[in-house]
Amino acid sequence: ILVLADIYAARETDTLGMSSEALAEEIKRRGTDAYYLSSFEAIENFVLEKCIHGDVLITMGAGDVVNIGENLLQK
């Protein structure tokens, strides 16, 4: 399962019309289970609901996305 948050803009000023929501839809169309969630809290709740013992969770990205994993470890 792939979960996408909003695109984090660092130095970029133009997303070229791309969004995480559009990416998730295209990824789904190609056969992968993908979701776009608009907040870190929503992602944390989704993960808590979907992950089971033995699953591997990888968080990666820029900015504060590291807080998702840190917050999940405290729950």
Protein backbone atom coordinates (compact mmCIF):
# COMPACT_ATOMS: atom_id res chain seq x y z
CA ILE A 1 0.00 0.00 0.00
CA LEU A 2 1.30 3.44 -0.91
CA VAL A 3 0.14 6.49 1.05
CA LEU A 4 0.95 9.95 -0.28
CA ALA A 5 0.94 13.24 1.61
CA ASP A 6 0.95 16.67 0.00
CA ILE A 7 3.96 17.53 -2.11
CA TYR A 8 6.50 19.40 -0.02
CA ALA A 9 7.83 22.43 -1.84
CA ALA A 10 11.45 23.21 -1.01
CA ARG A 11 12.85 25.56 -3.62
CA GLU A 12 10.32 24.74 -6.30
CA THR A 13 7.73 27.38 -7.10
CA ASP A 14 5.81 25.46 -9.75
CA THR A 15 4.40 21.95 -9.30
CA LEU A 16 3.85 21.71 -13.06
CA GLY A 17 0.21 20.92 -12.37
CA MET A 18 1.06 17.76 -10.44
CA SER A 19 -0.44 16.88 -7.08
CA SER A 20 -0.21 13.95 -4.71
CA GLU A 21 -3.90 13.28 -5.30
CA ALA A 22 -3.32 13.03 -9.06
CA LEU A 23 -0.29 10.80 -8.50
CA ALA A 24 -2.30 8.46 -6.27
CA GLU A 25 -5.04 8.18 -8.90
CA GLU A 26 -2.54 7.35 -11.66
CA ILE A 27 -0.75 4.81 -9.45
CA LYS A 28 -4.13 3.17 -8.68
CA ARG A 29 -4.96 3.10 -12.38
CA ARG A 30 -1.75 1.15 -12.93
CA GLY A 31 -2.70 -1.47 -10.35
CA THR A 32 -1.11 -0.44 -7.06
CA ASP A 33 -3.15 0.24 -3.93
CA ALA A 34 -2.47 3.98 -3.41
CA TYR A 35 -4.07 6.64 -1.24
CA TYR A 36 -3.74 10.38 -0.91
CA LEU A 37 -4.37 11.76 2.57
CA SER A 38 -4.30 15.49 3.18
CA SER A 39 -2.83 15.58 6.69
CA PHE A 40 -0.23 13.77 8.74
CA GLU A 41 -2.91 13.03 11.35
CA ALA A 42 -5.04 11.33 8.70
CA ILE A 43 -2.02 9.30 7.57
CA GLU A 44 -1.25 8.24 11.14
CA ASN A 45 -4.87 7.15 11.70
CA PHE A 46 -4.89 5.26 8.38
CA VAL A 47 -1.68 3.43 9.26
CA LEU A 48 -2.94 2.56 12.74
CA GLU A 49 -6.07 1.11 11.18
CA LYS A 50 -4.42 -0.79 8.31
CA CYS A 51 -1.08 -2.07 9.62
CA ILE A 52 -0.98 -5.40 11.38
CA HIS A 53 1.71 -7.28 13.29
CA GLY A 54 4.55 -8.21 10.96
CA ASP A 55 3.98 -5.39 8.45
CA VAL A 56 6.87 -3.12 7.51
CA LEU A 57 6.16 0.62 7.49
CA ILE A 58 8.53 2.96 5.70
CA THR A 59 8.10 6.72 5.95
CA MET A 60 10.11 8.92 3.64
CA GLY A 61 9.93 12.41 2.35
CA ALA A 62 10.99 15.95 2.99
CA GLY A 63 10.05 18.39 5.68
CA ASP A 64 8.11 17.20 8.70
CA VAL A 65 7.09 13.81 7.29
CA VAL A 66 9.52 12.25 9.76
CA ASN A 67 7.01 13.18 12.48
CA ILE A 68 4.56 10.56 11.19
CA GLY A 69 6.84 7.70 12.22
CA GLU A 70 7.85 9.40 15.45
CA ASN A 71 4.20 9.96 16.41
CA LEU A 72 3.27 6.37 15.57
CA LEU A 73 6.02 5.07 17.84
CA GLN A 74 4.43 6.94 20.73
CA LYS A 75 0.96 5.41 20.20
